[in-house]
Amino acid sequence: MLSCSVPNLEEQDCREARDVVREFYSFHFGNDMHPSADNVRLREKYLTGRLKDNLLTAPATDVDYFTATSDLPKAFRVGGCTISTPGQSVNFDVLLFWKDDKRTEQKHISVAVRKENDKWLIDMVD
């Protein structure tokens, strides 16, 4: 029996960090996305200590930090990855989608992921 495999051309840092970004956004979209201290705490296992602390001390807002909008999207897709510092930090392009009877729209955000205590964690969304 012959088998064929397609090589994965993405760097190991990107592969490992991509799983965390995908898992985080799946959790985020599957739960209440509105900003609150309780919602930050529910997501803290995915966040660097610095980001968690910043979010917990930030003034109240109706803008969801993780999607950079108060008009909450319906879906997401994790796109391209660039390595900032090998073994330490990578950036992902994340696409956000809105689709209903009135509109179809998409927006890009950038998600910085950093290795902290041997785990890839979300450090910043821009």
PDB file of N, CA and C in Angstrom:
ATOM      1  N   MET A   1       0.831  -1.167   0.000  1.00  0.00           N
ATOM      2  CA  MET A   1       0.000   0.000   0.000  1.00  0.00           C
ATOM      3  C   MET A   1       0.889   1.248   0.000  1.00  0.00           C
ATOM      4  N   LEU A   2       0.586   2.159  -0.870  1.00  0.00           N
ATOM      5  CA  LEU A   2       1.339   3.399  -0.949  1.00  0.00           C
ATOM      6  C   LEU A   2       0.665   4.466  -0.107  1.00  0.00           C
ATOM      7  N   SER A   3       1.461   5.302   0.499  1.00  0.00           N
ATOM      8  CA  SER A   3       0.883   6.427   1.235  1.00  0.00           C
ATOM      9  C   SER A   3       1.584   7.699   0.801  1.00  0.00           C
ATOM     10  N   CYS A   4       0.884   8.749   0.938  1.00  0.00           N
ATOM     11  CA  CYS A   4       1.400  10.036   0.530  1.00  0.00           C
ATOM     12  C   CYS A   4       1.172  11.013   1.669  1.00  0.00           C
ATOM     13  N   SER A   5       2.148  11.810   1.985  1.00  0.00           N
ATOM     14  CA  SER A   5       1.951  12.802   3.030  1.00  0.00           C
ATOM     15  C   SER A   5       2.313  14.182   2.503  1.00  0.00           C
ATOM     16  N   VAL A   6       1.621  15.147   3.004  1.00  0.00           N
ATOM     17  CA  VAL A   6       1.890  16.528   2.639  1.00  0.00           C
ATOM     18  C   VAL A   6       2.709  17.131   3.762  1.00  0.00           C
ATOM     19  N   PRO A   7       3.905  17.638   3.465  1.00  0.00           N
ATOM     20  CA  PRO A   7       4.719  18.201   4.537  1.00  0.00           C
ATOM     21  C   PRO A   7       4.101  19.481   5.084  1.00  0.00           C
ATOM     22  N   ASN A   8       4.241  19.682   6.390  1.00  0.00           N
ATOM     23  CA  ASN A   8       3.767  20.913   7.006  1.00  0.00           C
ATOM     24  C   ASN A   8       4.916  21.912   6.924  1.00  0.00           C
ATOM     25  N   LEU A   9       4.740  22.972   6.156  1.00  0.00           N
ATOM     26  CA  LEU A   9       5.809  23.923   5.913  1.00  0.00           C
ATOM     27  C   LEU A   9       5.883  25.030   6.952  1.00  0.00           C
ATOM     28  N   GLU A  10       4.917  25.068   7.857  1.00  0.00           N
ATOM     29  CA  GLU A  10       4.901  26.114   8.864  1.00  0.00           C
ATOM     30  C   GLU A  10       5.922  25.801   9.961  1.00  0.00           C
ATOM     31  N   GLU A  11       6.598  26.826  10.437  1.00  0.00           N
ATOM     32  CA  GLU A  11       7.574  26.667  11.518  1.00  0.00           C
ATOM     33  C   GLU A  11       6.916  26.103  12.777  1.00  0.00           C
ATOM     34  N   GLN A  12       7.688  25.380  13.576  1.00  0.00           N
ATOM     35  CA  GLN A  12       7.162  24.753  14.787  1.00  0.00           C
ATOM     36  C   GLN A  12       6.551  25.792  15.738  1.00  0.00           C
ATOM     37  N   ASP A  13       7.200  26.942  15.920  1.00  0.00           N
ATOM     38  CA  ASP A  13       6.643  27.976  16.805  1.00  0.00           C
ATOM     39  C   ASP A  13       5.238  28.370  16.348  1.00  0.00           C
ATOM     40  N   CYS A  14       5.061  28.538  15.042  1.00  0.00           N
ATOM     41  CA  CYS A  14       3.748  28.927  14.514  1.00  0.00           C
ATOM     42  C   CYS A  14       2.725  27.812  14.712  1.00  0.00           C
ATOM     43  N   ARG A  15       3.124  26.571  14.466  1.00  0.00           N
ATOM     44  CA  ARG A  15       2.188  25.440  14.645  1.00  0.00           C
ATOM     45  C   ARG A  15       1.707  25.361  16.087  1.00  0.00           C
ATOM     46  N   GLU A  16       2.647  25.447  17.032  1.00  0.00           N
ATOM     47  CA  GLU A  16       2.285  25.339  18.453  1.00  0.00           C
ATOM     48  C   GLU A  16       1.418  26.521  18.901  1.00  0.00           C
ATOM     49  N   ALA A  17       1.803  27.728  18.539  1.00  0.00           N
ATOM     50  CA  ALA A  17       1.069  28.920  18.956  1.00  0.00           C
ATOM     51  C   ALA A  17      -0.292  29.001  18.266  1.00  0.00           C
ATOM     52  N   ARG A  18      -0.379  28.524  17.021  1.00  0.00           N
ATOM     53  CA  ARG A  18      -1.654  28.544  16.277  1.00  0.00           C
ATOM     54  C   ARG A  18      -2.726  27.756  17.038  1.00  0.00           C
ATOM     55  N   ASP A  19      -2.349  26.617  17.619  1.00  0.00           N
ATOM     56  CA  ASP A  19      -3.308  25.808  18.378  1.00  0.00           C
ATOM     57  C   ASP A  19      -3.895  26.615  19.539  1.00  0.00           C
ATOM     58  N   VAL A  20      -3.059  27.395  20.215  1.00  0.00           N
ATOM     59  CA  VAL A  20      -3.518  28.201  21.351  1.00  0.00           C
ATOM     60  C   VAL A  20      -4.467  29.302  20.870  1.00  0.00           C
ATOM     61  N   VAL A  21      -4.103  29.982  19.778  1.00  0.00           N
ATOM     62  CA  VAL A  21      -4.949  31.061  19.253  1.00  0.00           C
ATOM     63  C   VAL A  21      -6.294  30.495  18.810  1.00  0.00           C
ATOM     64  N   ARG A  22      -6.282  29.365  18.110  1.00  0.00           N
ATOM     65  CA  ARG A  22      -7.529  28.747  17.642  1.00  0.00           C
ATOM     66  C   ARG A  22      -8.394  28.316  18.831  1.00  0.00           C
ATOM     67  N   GLU A  23      -7.769  27.686  19.821  1.00  0.00           N
ATOM     68  CA  GLU A  23      -8.501  27.240  21.012  1.00  0.00           C
ATOM     69  C   GLU A  23      -9.079  28.429  21.778  1.00  0.00           C
ATOM     70  N   PHE A  24      -8.275  29.494  21.936  1.00  0.00           N
ATOM     71  CA  PHE A  24      -8.758  30.680  22.640  1.00  0.00           C
ATOM     72  C   PHE A  24      -9.965  31.283  21.932  1.00  0.00           C
ATOM     73  N   TYR A  25      -9.851  31.535  20.624  1.00  0.00           N
ATOM     74  CA  TYR A  25     -10.951  32.181  19.915  1.00  0.00           C
ATOM     75  C   TYR A  25     -12.181  31.277  19.827  1.00  0.00           C
ATOM     76  N   SER A  26     -11.999  29.981  19.785  1.00  0.00           N
ATOM     77  CA  SER A  26     -13.150  29.071  19.837  1.00  0.00           C
ATOM     78  C   SER A  26     -13.873  29.224  21.173  1.00  0.00           C
ATOM     79  N   PHE A  27     -13.107  29.288  22.254  1.00  0.00           N
ATOM     80  CA  PHE A  27     -13.699  29.494  23.574  1.00  0.00           C
ATOM     81  C   PHE A  27     -14.375  30.861  23.646  1.00  0.00           C
ATOM     82  N   HIS A  28     -13.672  31.881  23.174  1.00  0.00           N
ATOM     83  CA  HIS A  28     -14.182  33.259  23.251  1.00  0.00           C
ATOM     84  C   HIS A  28     -15.504  33.396  22.485  1.00  0.00           C
ATOM     85  N   PHE A  29     -15.551  32.872  21.256  1.00  0.00           N
ATOM     86  CA  PHE A  29     -16.757  32.980  20.439  1.00  0.00           C
ATOM     87  C   PHE A  29     -17.890  32.107  20.972  1.00  0.00           C
ATOM     88  N   GLY A  30     -17.558  31.054  21.705  1.00  0.00           N
ATOM     89  CA  GLY A  30     -18.572  30.156  22.242  1.00  0.00           C
ATOM     90  C   GLY A  30     -19.149  30.608  23.567  1.00  0.00           C
ATOM     91  N   ASN A  31     -18.642  31.716  24.113  1.00  0.00           N
ATOM     92  CA  ASN A  31     -19.090  32.222  25.409  1.00  0.00           C
ATOM     93  C   ASN A  31     -19.416  33.708  25.298  1.00  0.00           C
ATOM     94  N   ASP A  32     -19.769  34.314  26.418  1.00  0.00           N
ATOM     95  CA  ASP A  32     -20.074  35.742  26.444  1.00  0.00           C
ATOM     96  C   ASP A  32     -18.815  36.530  26.095  1.00  0.00           C
ATOM     97  N   MET A  33     -18.866  37.314  25.027  1.00  0.00           N
ATOM     98  CA  MET A  33     -17.706  38.065  24.562  1.00  0.00           C
ATOM     99  C   MET A  33     -17.669  39.487  25.111  1.00  0.00           C
ATOM    100  N   HIS A  34     -18.686  39.909  25.845  1.00  0.00           N
ATOM    101  CA  HIS A  34     -18.715  41.275  26.349  1.00  0.00           C
ATOM    102  C   HIS A  34     -17.655  41.463  27.440  1.00  0.00           C
ATOM    103  N   PRO A  35     -16.986  42.614  27.433  1.00  0.00           N
ATOM    104  CA  PRO A  35     -15.902  42.855  28.392  1.00  0.00           C
ATOM    105  C   PRO A  35     -16.388  42.860  29.843  1.00  0.00           C
ATOM    106  N   SER A  36     -15.693  42.105  30.680  1.00  0.00           N
ATOM    107  CA  SER A  36     -15.939  42.130  32.126  1.00  0.00           C
ATOM    108  C   SER A  36     -14.766  41.438  32.807  1.00  0.00           C
ATOM    109  N   ALA A  37     -14.556  41.767  34.073  1.00  0.00           N
ATOM    110  CA  ALA A  37     -13.478  41.137  34.838  1.00  0.00           C
ATOM    111  C   ALA A  37     -13.700  39.623  34.916  1.00  0.00           C
ATOM    112  N   ASP A  38     -14.954  39.204  35.092  1.00  0.00           N
ATOM    113  CA  ASP A  38     -15.249  37.766  35.154  1.00  0.00           C
ATOM    114  C   ASP A  38     -14.864  37.068  33.849  1.00  0.00           C
ATOM    115  N   ASN A  39     -15.153  37.712  32.720  1.00  0.00           N
ATOM    116  CA  ASN A  39     -14.812  37.100  31.432  1.00  0.00           C
ATOM    117  C   ASN A  39     -13.307  37.047  31.206  1.00  0.00           C
ATOM    118  N   VAL A  40     -12.573  38.036  31.705  1.00  0.00           N
ATOM    119  CA  VAL A  40     -11.100  37.991  31.624  1.00  0.00           C
ATOM    120  C   VAL A  40     -10.595  36.804  32.447  1.00  0.00           C
ATOM    121  N   ARG A  41     -11.125  36.636  33.633  1.00  0.00           N
ATOM    122  CA  ARG A  41     -10.684  35.526  34.494  1.00  0.00           C
ATOM    123  C   ARG A  41     -10.979  34.165  33.856  1.00  0.00           C
ATOM    124  N   LEU A  42     -12.101  34.053  33.160  1.00  0.00           N
ATOM    125  CA  LEU A  42     -12.425  32.795  32.472  1.00  0.00           C
ATOM    126  C   LEU A  42     -11.433  32.488  31.352  1.00  0.00           C
ATOM    127  N   ARG A  43     -10.776  33.509  30.826  1.00  0.00           N
ATOM    128  CA  ARG A  43      -9.850  33.351  29.701  1.00  0.00           C
ATOM    129  C   ARG A  43      -8.383  33.386  30.127  1.00  0.00           C
ATOM    130  N   GLU A  44      -8.111  33.561  31.415  1.00  0.00           N
ATOM    131  CA  GLU A  44      -6.744  33.818  31.853  1.00  0.00           C
ATOM    132  C   GLU A  44      -5.753  32.705  31.523  1.00  0.00           C
ATOM    133  N   LYS A  45      -6.196  31.478  31.379  1.00  0.00           N
ATOM    134  CA  LYS A  45      -5.242  30.399  31.056  1.00  0.00           C
ATOM    135  C   LYS A  45      -4.646  30.573  29.660  1.00  0.00           C
ATOM    136  N   TYR A  46      -5.264  31.432  28.840  1.00  0.00           N
ATOM    137  CA  TYR A  46      -4.768  31.695  27.487  1.00  0.00           C
ATOM    138  C   TYR A  46      -3.939  32.976  27.401  1.00  0.00           C
ATOM    139  N   LEU A  47      -3.866  33.747  28.485  1.00  0.00           N
ATOM    140  CA  LEU A  47      -3.285  35.089  28.446  1.00  0.00           C
ATOM    141  C   LEU A  47      -1.988  35.182  29.232  1.00  0.00           C
ATOM    142  N   THR A  48      -1.077  36.048  28.750  1.00  0.00           N
ATOM    143  CA  THR A  48       0.119  36.328  29.545  1.00  0.00           C
ATOM    144  C   THR A  48      -0.319  37.055  30.809  1.00  0.00           C
ATOM    145  N   GLY A  49       0.496  36.991  31.842  1.00  0.00           N
ATOM    146  CA  GLY A  49       0.196  37.697  33.081  1.00  0.00           C
ATOM    147  C   GLY A  49       0.058  39.192  32.847  1.00  0.00           C
ATOM    148  N   ARG A  50       0.916  39.745  31.995  1.00  0.00           N
ATOM    149  CA  ARG A  50       0.884  41.176  31.688  1.00  0.00           C
ATOM    150  C   ARG A  50      -0.452  41.573  31.073  1.00  0.00           C
ATOM    151  N   LEU A  51      -0.918  40.808  30.080  1.00  0.00           N
ATOM    152  CA  LEU A  51      -2.183  41.144  29.430  1.00  0.00           C
ATOM    153  C   LEU A  51      -3.353  40.989  30.397  1.00  0.00           C
ATOM    154  N   LYS A  52      -3.360  39.916  31.155  1.00  0.00           N
ATOM    155  CA  LYS A  52      -4.447  39.707  32.132  1.00  0.00           C
ATOM    156  C   LYS A  52      -4.517  40.878  33.099  1.00  0.00           C
ATOM    157  N   ASP A  53      -3.368  41.282  33.659  1.00  0.00           N
ATOM    158  CA  ASP A  53      -3.334  42.400  34.602  1.00  0.00           C
ATOM    159  C   ASP A  53      -3.804  43.697  33.948  1.00  0.00           C
ATOM    160  N   ASN A  54      -3.363  43.947  32.715  1.00  0.00           N
ATOM    161  CA  ASN A  54      -3.783  45.158  32.000  1.00  0.00           C
ATOM    162  C   ASN A  54      -5.292  45.185  31.791  1.00  0.00           C
ATOM    163  N   LEU A  55      -5.857  44.047  31.410  1.00  0.00           N
ATOM    164  CA  LEU A  55      -7.297  43.993  31.158  1.00  0.00           C
ATOM    165  C   LEU A  55      -8.102  44.157  32.445  1.00  0.00           C
ATOM    166  N   LEU A  56      -7.600  43.585  33.541  1.00  0.00           N
ATOM    167  CA  LEU A  56      -8.329  43.671  34.812  1.00  0.00           C
ATOM    168  C   LEU A  56      -8.273  45.079  35.417  1.00  0.00           C
ATOM    169  N   THR A  57      -7.255  45.869  35.049  1.00  0.00           N
ATOM    170  CA  THR A  57      -7.135  47.223  35.606  1.00  0.00           C
ATOM    171  C   THR A  57      -7.571  48.308  34.621  1.00  0.00           C
ATOM    172  N   ALA A  58      -7.939  47.922  33.405  1.00  0.00           N
ATOM    173  CA  ALA A  58      -8.364  48.900  32.388  1.00  0.00           C
ATOM    174  C   ALA A  58      -9.744  49.455  32.732  1.00  0.00           C
ATOM    175  N   PRO A  59     -10.011  50.700  32.336  1.00  0.00           N
ATOM    176  CA  PRO A  59     -11.350  51.261  32.554  1.00  0.00           C
ATOM    177  C   PRO A  59     -12.404  50.467  31.781  1.00  0.00           C
ATOM    178  N   ALA A  60     -13.608  50.447  32.304  1.00  0.00           N
ATOM    179  CA  ALA A  60     -14.704  49.717  31.658  1.00  0.00           C
ATOM    180  C   ALA A  60     -14.978  50.302  30.269  1.00  0.00           C
ATOM    181  N   THR A  61     -15.282  49.408  29.330  1.00  0.00           N
ATOM    182  CA  THR A  61     -15.576  49.801  27.957  1.00  0.00           C
ATOM    183  C   THR A  61     -16.541  48.798  27.351  1.00  0.00           C
ATOM    184  N   ASP A  62     -17.191  49.179  26.262  1.00  0.00           N
ATOM    185  CA  ASP A  62     -18.066  48.216  25.590  1.00  0.00           C
ATOM    186  C   ASP A  62     -17.345  47.554  24.406  1.00  0.00           C
ATOM    187  N   VAL A  63     -16.076  47.903  24.188  1.00  0.00           N
ATOM    188  CA  VAL A  63     -15.288  47.313  23.105  1.00  0.00           C
ATOM    189  C   VAL A  63     -14.636  46.026  23.599  1.00  0.00           C
ATOM    190  N   ASP A  64     -14.887  44.936  22.892  1.00  0.00           N
ATOM    191  CA  ASP A  64     -14.250  43.653  23.213  1.00  0.00           C
ATOM    192  C   ASP A  64     -12.786  43.733  22.801  1.00  0.00           C
ATOM    193  N   TYR A  65     -11.880  43.613  23.750  1.00  0.00           N
ATOM    194  CA  TYR A  65     -10.450  43.709  23.486  1.00  0.00           C
ATOM    195  C   TYR A  65      -9.999  42.692  22.437  1.00  0.00           C
ATOM    196  N   PHE A  66     -10.519  41.478  22.495  1.00  0.00           N
ATOM    197  CA  PHE A  66     -10.027  40.377  21.669  1.00  0.00           C
ATOM    198  C   PHE A  66     -10.502  40.414  20.221  1.00  0.00           C
ATOM    199  N   THR A  67     -11.516  41.245  19.944  1.00  0.00           N
ATOM    200  CA  THR A  67     -11.948  41.434  18.555  1.00  0.00           C
ATOM    201  C   THR A  67     -11.830  42.903  18.140  1.00  0.00           C
ATOM    202  N   ALA A  68     -11.433  43.762  19.075  1.00  0.00           N
ATOM    203  CA  ALA A  68     -11.223  45.196  18.834  1.00  0.00           C
ATOM    204  C   ALA A  68     -12.475  45.889  18.294  1.00  0.00           C
ATOM    205  N   THR A  69     -13.647  45.477  18.777  1.00  0.00           N
ATOM    206  CA  THR A  69     -14.892  46.089  18.329  1.00  0.00           C
ATOM    207  C   THR A  69     -15.998  45.855  19.352  1.00  0.00           C
ATOM    208  N   SER A  70     -16.998  46.731  19.327  1.00  0.00           N
ATOM    209  CA  SER A  70     -18.189  46.496  20.152  1.00  0.00           C
ATOM    210  C   SER A  70     -19.277  45.803  19.327  1.00  0.00           C
ATOM    211  N   ASP A  71     -19.079  45.753  18.009  1.00  0.00           N
ATOM    212  CA  ASP A  71     -19.989  45.065  17.087  1.00  0.00           C
ATOM    213  C   ASP A  71     -19.458  43.632  16.928  1.00  0.00           C
ATOM    214  N   LEU A  72     -19.886  42.746  17.815  1.00  0.00           N
ATOM    215  CA  LEU A  72     -19.264  41.418  17.921  1.00  0.00           C
ATOM    216  C   LEU A  72     -19.431  40.586  16.651  1.00  0.00           C
ATOM    217  N   PRO A  73     -18.316  40.044  16.140  1.00  0.00           N
ATOM    218  CA  PRO A  73     -18.367  39.230  14.925  1.00  0.00           C
ATOM    219  C   PRO A  73     -19.016  37.874  15.179  1.00  0.00           C
ATOM    220  N   LYS A  74     -19.351  37.193  14.087  1.00  0.00           N
ATOM    221  CA  LYS A  74     -20.023  35.889  14.154  1.00  0.00           C
ATOM    222  C   LYS A  74     -19.045  34.718  14.059  1.00  0.00           C
ATOM    223  N   ALA A  75     -17.891  34.945  13.400  1.00  0.00           N
ATOM    224  CA  ALA A  75     -16.946  33.846  13.185  1.00  0.00           C
ATOM    225  C   ALA A  75     -15.535  34.414  13.038  1.00  0.00           C
ATOM    226  N   PHE A  76     -14.550  33.519  13.076  1.00  0.00           N
ATOM    227  CA  PHE A  76     -13.147  33.917  12.934  1.00  0.00           C
ATOM    228  C   PHE A  76     -12.389  32.852  12.154  1.00  0.00           C
ATOM    229  N   ARG A  77     -11.210  33.238  11.670  1.00  0.00           N
ATOM    230  CA  ARG A  77     -10.278  32.276  11.074  1.00  0.00           C
ATOM    231  C   ARG A  77      -8.869  32.746  11.393  1.00  0.00           C
ATOM    232  N   VAL A  78      -8.033  31.841  11.871  1.00  0.00           N
ATOM    233  CA  VAL A  78      -6.643  32.166  12.164  1.00  0.00           C
ATOM    234  C   VAL A  78      -5.867  32.063  10.855  1.00  0.00           C
ATOM    235  N   GLY A  79      -5.231  33.167  10.474  1.00  0.00           N
ATOM    236  CA  GLY A  79      -4.511  33.230   9.199  1.00  0.00           C
ATOM    237  C   GLY A  79      -3.011  33.074   9.367  1.00  0.00           C
ATOM    238  N   GLY A  80      -2.287  33.881   8.611  1.00  0.00           N
ATOM    239  CA  GLY A  80      -0.836  33.778   8.535  1.00  0.00           C
ATOM    240  C   GLY A  80      -0.118  34.072   9.838  1.00  0.00           C
ATOM    241  N   CYS A  81       1.068  33.514   9.945  1.00  0.00           N
ATOM    242  CA  CYS A  81       1.905  33.638  11.137  1.00  0.00           C
ATOM    243  C   CYS A  81       3.271  34.183  10.741  1.00  0.00           C
ATOM    244  N   THR A  82       3.775  35.107  11.544  1.00  0.00           N
ATOM    245  CA  THR A  82       5.154  35.564  11.379  1.00  0.00           C
ATOM    246  C   THR A  82       5.847  35.422  12.729  1.00  0.00           C
ATOM    247  N   ILE A  83       7.095  34.999  12.674  1.00  0.00           N
ATOM    248  CA  ILE A  83       7.877  34.829  13.899  1.00  0.00           C
ATOM    249  C   ILE A  83       8.598  36.136  14.198  1.00  0.00           C
ATOM    250  N   SER A  84       8.368  36.673  15.383  1.00  0.00           N
ATOM    251  CA  SER A  84       9.045  37.903  15.808  1.00  0.00           C
ATOM    252  C   SER A  84      10.398  37.565  16.404  1.00  0.00           C
ATOM    253  N   THR A  85      10.391  36.676  17.391  1.00  0.00           N
ATOM    254  CA  THR A  85      11.614  36.206  18.041  1.00  0.00           C
ATOM    255  C   THR A  85      11.505  34.689  18.151  1.00  0.00           C
ATOM    256  N   PRO A  86      12.357  33.933  17.442  1.00  0.00           N
ATOM    257  CA  PRO A  86      12.248  32.465  17.475  1.00  0.00           C
ATOM    258  C   PRO A  86      12.207  31.920  18.907  1.00  0.00           C
ATOM    259  N   GLY A  87      11.232  31.039  19.149  1.00  0.00           N
ATOM    260  CA  GLY A  87      11.087  30.406  20.449  1.00  0.00           C
ATOM    261  C   GLY A  87      10.462  31.290  21.514  1.00  0.00           C
ATOM    262  N   GLN A  88      10.160  32.573  21.165  1.00  0.00           N
ATOM    263  CA  GLN A  88       9.641  33.494  22.176  1.00  0.00           C
ATOM    264  C   GLN A  88       8.365  34.210  21.779  1.00  0.00           C
ATOM    265  N   SER A  89       8.268  34.691  20.536  1.00  0.00           N
ATOM    266  CA  SER A  89       7.069  35.439  20.163  1.00  0.00           C
ATOM    267  C   SER A  89       6.753  35.323  18.682  1.00  0.00           C
ATOM    268  N   VAL A  90       5.450  35.226  18.404  1.00  0.00           N
ATOM    269  CA  VAL A  90       4.947  35.145  17.033  1.00  0.00           C
ATOM    270  C   VAL A  90       3.711  36.040  16.920  1.00  0.00           C
ATOM    271  N   ASN A  91       3.360  36.387  15.700  1.00  0.00           N
ATOM    272  CA  ASN A  91       2.165  37.194  15.432  1.00  0.00           C
ATOM    273  C   ASN A  91       1.284  36.472  14.435  1.00  0.00           C
ATOM    274  N   PHE A  92      -0.015  36.535  14.674  1.00  0.00           N
ATOM    275  CA  PHE A  92      -0.991  35.930  13.767  1.00  0.00           C
ATOM    276  C   PHE A  92      -1.921  36.986  13.214  1.00  0.00           C
ATOM    277  N   ASP A  93      -2.287  36.794  11.975  1.00  0.00           N
ATOM    278  CA  ASP A  93      -3.350  37.559  11.355  1.00  0.00           C
ATOM    279  C   ASP A  93      -4.630  36.765  11.638  1.00  0.00           C
ATOM    280  N   VAL A  94      -5.610  37.390  12.272  1.00  0.00           N
ATOM    281  CA  VAL A  94      -6.881  36.724  12.546  1.00  0.00           C
ATOM    282  C   VAL A  94      -7.962  37.472  11.786  1.00  0.00           C
ATOM    283  N   LEU A  95      -8.748  36.735  11.031  1.00  0.00           N
ATOM    284  CA  LEU A  95      -9.853  37.318  10.279  1.00  0.00           C
ATOM    285  C   LEU A  95     -11.133  37.173  11.084  1.00  0.00           C
ATOM    286  N   LEU A  96     -11.884  38.260  11.178  1.00  0.00           N
ATOM    287  CA  LEU A  96     -13.172  38.258  11.856  1.00  0.00           C
ATOM    288  C   LEU A  96     -14.256  38.443  10.800  1.00  0.00           C
ATOM    289  N   PHE A  97     -15.384  37.748  10.975  1.00  0.00           N
ATOM    290  CA  PHE A  97     -16.451  37.766   9.970  1.00  0.00           C
ATOM    291  C   PHE A  97     -17.792  38.139  10.574  1.00  0.00           C
ATOM    292  N   TRP A  98     -18.535  38.945   9.836  1.00  0.00           N
ATOM    293  CA  TRP A  98     -19.922  39.283  10.141  1.00  0.00           C
ATOM    294  C   TRP A  98     -20.730  38.886   8.917  1.00  0.00           C
ATOM    295  N   LYS A  99     -21.763  38.099   9.117  1.00  0.00           N
ATOM    296  CA  LYS A  99     -22.615  37.716   7.996  1.00  0.00           C
ATOM    297  C   LYS A  99     -24.045  37.558   8.498  1.00  0.00           C
ATOM    298  N   ASP A 100     -24.940  38.333   7.900  1.00  0.00           N
ATOM    299  CA  ASP A 100     -26.360  38.202   8.188  1.00  0.00           C
ATOM    300  C   ASP A 100     -27.129  38.631   6.943  1.00  0.00           C
ATOM    301  N   ASP A 101     -28.415  38.837   7.082  1.00  0.00           N
ATOM    302  CA  ASP A 101     -29.247  39.204   5.924  1.00  0.00           C
ATOM    303  C   ASP A 101     -28.862  40.545   5.311  1.00  0.00           C
ATOM    304  N   LYS A 102     -28.270  41.414   6.123  1.00  0.00           N
ATOM    305  CA  LYS A 102     -27.977  42.772   5.657  1.00  0.00           C
ATOM    306  C   LYS A 102     -26.541  42.988   5.206  1.00  0.00           C
ATOM    307  N   ARG A 103     -25.617  42.173   5.690  1.00  0.00           N
ATOM    308  CA  ARG A 103     -24.216  42.437   5.334  1.00  0.00           C
ATOM    309  C   ARG A 103     -23.336  41.199   5.416  1.00  0.00           C
ATOM    310  N   THR A 104     -22.262  41.280   4.679  1.00  0.00           N
ATOM    311  CA  THR A 104     -21.174  40.316   4.748  1.00  0.00           C
ATOM    312  C   THR A 104     -19.906  41.159   4.845  1.00  0.00           C
ATOM    313  N   GLU A 105     -19.190  40.992   5.942  1.00  0.00           N
ATOM    314  CA  GLU A 105     -18.027  41.850   6.182  1.00  0.00           C
ATOM    315  C   GLU A 105     -16.925  41.036   6.850  1.00  0.00           C
ATOM    316  N   GLN A 106     -15.680  41.457   6.623  1.00  0.00           N
ATOM    317  CA  GLN A 106     -14.567  40.838   7.326  1.00  0.00           C
ATOM    318  C   GLN A 106     -13.563  41.910   7.727  1.00  0.00           C
ATOM    319  N   LYS A 107     -12.799  41.617   8.783  1.00  0.00           N
ATOM    320  CA  LYS A 107     -11.809  42.555   9.308  1.00  0.00           C
ATOM    321  C   LYS A 107     -10.613  41.760   9.799  1.00  0.00           C
ATOM    322  N   HIS A 108      -9.438  42.318   9.633  1.00  0.00           N
ATOM    323  CA  HIS A 108      -8.203  41.690  10.120  1.00  0.00           C
ATOM    324  C   HIS A 108      -7.809  42.301  11.459  1.00  0.00           C
ATOM    325  N   ILE A 109      -7.353  41.455  12.371  1.00  0.00           N
ATOM    326  CA  ILE A 109      -6.695  41.928  13.584  1.00  0.00           C
ATOM    327  C   ILE A 109      -5.382  41.170  13.697  1.00  0.00           C
ATOM    328  N   SER A 110      -4.467  41.701  14.471  1.00  0.00           N
ATOM    329  CA  SER A 110      -3.179  41.056  14.694  1.00  0.00           C
ATOM    330  C   SER A 110      -3.126  40.581  16.144  1.00  0.00           C
ATOM    331  N   VAL A 111      -2.737  39.338  16.332  1.00  0.00           N
ATOM    332  CA  VAL A 111      -2.663  38.752  17.676  1.00  0.00           C
ATOM    333  C   VAL A 111      -1.215  38.343  17.944  1.00  0.00           C
ATOM    334  N   ALA A 112      -0.611  38.982  18.965  1.00  0.00           N
ATOM    335  CA  ALA A 112       0.758  38.650  19.368  1.00  0.00           C
ATOM    336  C   ALA A 112       0.704  37.542  20.416  1.00  0.00           C
ATOM    337  N   VAL A 113       1.509  36.516  20.205  1.00  0.00           N
ATOM    338  CA  VAL A 113       1.550  35.371  21.116  1.00  0.00           C
ATOM    339  C   VAL A 113       2.977  35.243  21.631  1.00  0.00           C
ATOM    340  N   ARG A 114       3.123  35.076  22.936  1.00  0.00           N
ATOM    341  CA  ARG A 114       4.435  35.036  23.577  1.00  0.00           C
ATOM    342  C   ARG A 114       4.553  33.760  24.403  1.00  0.00           C
ATOM    343  N   LYS A 115       5.760  33.236  24.453  1.00  0.00           N
ATOM    344  CA  LYS A 115       6.004  32.054  25.281  1.00  0.00           C
ATOM    345  C   LYS A 115       6.331  32.515  26.699  1.00  0.00           C
ATOM    346  N   GLU A 116       5.526  32.043  27.646  1.00  0.00           N
ATOM    347  CA  GLU A 116       5.685  32.411  29.050  1.00  0.00           C
ATOM    348  C   GLU A 116       5.541  31.135  29.870  1.00  0.00           C
ATOM    349  N   ASN A 117       6.527  30.847  30.719  1.00  0.00           N
ATOM    350  CA  ASN A 117       6.519  29.610  31.516  1.00  0.00           C
ATOM    351  C   ASN A 117       6.304  28.386  30.630  1.00  0.00           C
ATOM    352  N   ASP A 118       6.987  28.375  29.495  1.00  0.00           N
ATOM    353  CA  ASP A 118       6.976  27.244  28.552  1.00  0.00           C
ATOM    354  C   ASP A 118       5.629  27.018  27.858  1.00  0.00           C
ATOM    355  N   LYS A 119       4.738  28.031  27.883  1.00  0.00           N
ATOM    356  CA  LYS A 119       3.438  27.915  27.214  1.00  0.00           C
ATOM    357  C   LYS A 119       3.248  29.114  26.304  1.00  0.00           C
ATOM    358  N   TRP A 120       2.645  28.884  25.132  1.00  0.00           N
ATOM    359  CA  TRP A 120       2.303  29.982  24.239  1.00  0.00           C
ATOM    360  C   TRP A 120       1.024  30.629  24.758  1.00  0.00           C
ATOM    361  N   LEU A 121       1.063  31.967  24.952  1.00  0.00           N
ATOM    362  CA  LEU A 121      -0.067  32.701  25.506  1.00  0.00           C
ATOM    363  C   LEU A 121      -0.290  33.989  24.713  1.00  0.00           C
ATOM    364  N   ILE A 122      -1.522  34.422  24.648  1.00  0.00           N
ATOM    365  CA  ILE A 122      -1.856  35.653  23.940  1.00  0.00           C
ATOM    366  C   ILE A 122      -1.352  36.833  24.773  1.00  0.00           C
ATOM    367  N   ASP A 123      -0.603  37.727  24.109  1.00  0.00           N
ATOM    368  CA  ASP A 123       0.025  38.847  24.799  1.00  0.00           C
ATOM    369  C   ASP A 123      -0.528  40.199  24.367  1.00  0.00           C
ATOM    370  N   MET A 124      -1.092  40.282  23.156  1.00  0.00           N
ATOM    371  CA  MET A 124      -1.614  41.563  22.693  1.00  0.00           C
ATOM    372  C   MET A 124      -2.484  41.361  21.457  1.00  0.00           C
ATOM    373  N   VAL A 125      -3.534  42.154  21.357  1.00  0.00           N
ATOM    374  CA  VAL A 125      -4.383  42.157  20.166  1.00  0.00           C
ATOM    375  C   VAL A 125      -4.387  43.585  19.635  1.00  0.00           C
ATOM    376  N   ASP A 126      -4.139  43.707  18.346  1.00  0.00           N
ATOM    377  CA  ASP A 126      -4.055  45.024  17.736  1.00  0.00           C
ATOM    378  C   ASP A 126      -4.894  45.070  16.471  1.00  0.00           C
TER     379      ASP A 126
END
